[in-house]
Amino acid sequence: MSDDLTKKPLDTTRVNVSESWELDHWSKKFGVTKERLKEAVKAVGTSADAVEKYLRK
């Protein structure tokens, strides 16, 4: 069974890079590669606001 690509995170305040569909969602939302998103989460944690600010630098 394939993943439902229309899924959206239930908690939109936290970036979860453990689930592939959430990784897809957040990388598209922020317009970055999955690797760049993972780097941002590693640097600032899972707060969506903090990740967004980090990626805007």
C-alpha atoms as a PDB file:
ATOM      1  CA  MET A   1       0.000   0.000   0.000  1.00  0.00           C
ATOM      2  CA  SER A   2       1.400   3.391  -0.929  1.00  0.00           C
ATOM      3  CA  ASP A   3       1.715   6.337   1.416  1.00  0.00           C
ATOM      4  CA  ASP A   4      -1.041   8.942   1.325  1.00  0.00           C
ATOM      5  CA  LEU A   5       0.815  11.998   0.013  1.00  0.00           C
ATOM      6  CA  THR A   6      -2.076  14.260   0.990  1.00  0.00           C
ATOM      7  CA  LYS A   7      -1.354  13.745   4.688  1.00  0.00           C
ATOM      8  CA  LYS A   8      -0.535  16.827   6.709  1.00  0.00           C
ATOM      9  CA  PRO A   9       1.045  16.875  10.153  1.00  0.00           C
ATOM     10  CA  LEU A  10      -1.362  16.828  13.066  1.00  0.00           C
ATOM     11  CA  ASP A  11       1.006  19.028  15.054  1.00  0.00           C
ATOM     12  CA  THR A  12       1.912  21.907  12.788  1.00  0.00           C
ATOM     13  CA  THR A  13       4.141  23.476  15.439  1.00  0.00           C
ATOM     14  CA  ARG A  14       6.698  20.642  15.321  1.00  0.00           C
ATOM     15  CA  VAL A  15       8.773  19.391  12.413  1.00  0.00           C
ATOM     16  CA  ASN A  16       9.011  15.602  12.420  1.00  0.00           C
ATOM     17  CA  VAL A  17      11.739  14.283  10.134  1.00  0.00           C
ATOM     18  CA  SER A  18      11.243  10.679  11.265  1.00  0.00           C
ATOM     19  CA  GLU A  19       8.188  10.095   9.078  1.00  0.00           C
ATOM     20  CA  SER A  20       8.916  10.187   5.345  1.00  0.00           C
ATOM     21  CA  TRP A  21       5.582  11.811   4.478  1.00  0.00           C
ATOM     22  CA  GLU A  22       6.176  14.558   7.068  1.00  0.00           C
ATOM     23  CA  LEU A  23       9.694  15.061   5.757  1.00  0.00           C
ATOM     24  CA  ASP A  24       8.162  15.504   2.292  1.00  0.00           C
ATOM     25  CA  HIS A  25       5.546  17.931   3.623  1.00  0.00           C
ATOM     26  CA  TRP A  26       7.956  20.155   5.543  1.00  0.00           C
ATOM     27  CA  SER A  27      10.644  20.222   2.862  1.00  0.00           C
ATOM     28  CA  LYS A  28       8.039  21.338   0.309  1.00  0.00           C
ATOM     29  CA  LYS A  29       6.550  23.877   2.719  1.00  0.00           C
ATOM     30  CA  PHE A  30       9.929  25.492   3.370  1.00  0.00           C
ATOM     31  CA  GLY A  31      11.202  25.012  -0.185  1.00  0.00           C
ATOM     32  CA  VAL A  32      14.336  23.128   0.837  1.00  0.00           C
ATOM     33  CA  THR A  33      15.832  19.699   0.297  1.00  0.00           C
ATOM     34  CA  LYS A  34      15.166  16.965   2.806  1.00  0.00           C
ATOM     35  CA  GLU A  35      18.833  17.030   3.787  1.00  0.00           C
ATOM     36  CA  ARG A  36      18.724  20.797   4.438  1.00  0.00           C
ATOM     37  CA  LEU A  37      15.588  20.356   6.547  1.00  0.00           C
ATOM     38  CA  LYS A  38      17.259  17.647   8.618  1.00  0.00           C
ATOM     39  CA  GLU A  39      20.266  19.938   9.150  1.00  0.00           C
ATOM     40  CA  ALA A  40      17.970  22.723  10.343  1.00  0.00           C
ATOM     41  CA  VAL A  41      16.156  20.445  12.793  1.00  0.00           C
ATOM     42  CA  LYS A  42      19.483  19.199  14.113  1.00  0.00           C
ATOM     43  CA  ALA A  43      20.669  22.791  14.573  1.00  0.00           C
ATOM     44  CA  VAL A  44      17.590  24.357  16.207  1.00  0.00           C
ATOM     45  CA  GLY A  45      15.258  21.549  17.234  1.00  0.00           C
ATOM     46  CA  THR A  46      11.784  20.636  16.040  1.00  0.00           C
ATOM     47  CA  SER A  47       9.949  23.934  16.518  1.00  0.00           C
ATOM     48  CA  ALA A  48       8.490  24.847  13.128  1.00  0.00           C
ATOM     49  CA  ASP A  49       9.021  28.554  13.872  1.00  0.00           C
ATOM     50  CA  ALA A  50      12.665  28.037  14.812  1.00  0.00           C
ATOM     51  CA  VAL A  51      13.294  25.872  11.744  1.00  0.00           C
ATOM     52  CA  GLU A  52      11.687  28.456   9.473  1.00  0.00           C
ATOM     53  CA  LYS A  53      13.786  31.277  10.977  1.00  0.00           C
ATOM     54  CA  TYR A  54      16.940  29.194  10.624  1.00  0.00           C
ATOM     55  CA  LEU A  55      16.208  28.422   6.986  1.00  0.00           C
ATOM     56  CA  ARG A  56      15.583  32.096   6.169  1.00  0.00           C
ATOM     57  CA  LYS A  57      19.145  33.040   7.214  1.00  0.00           C
END
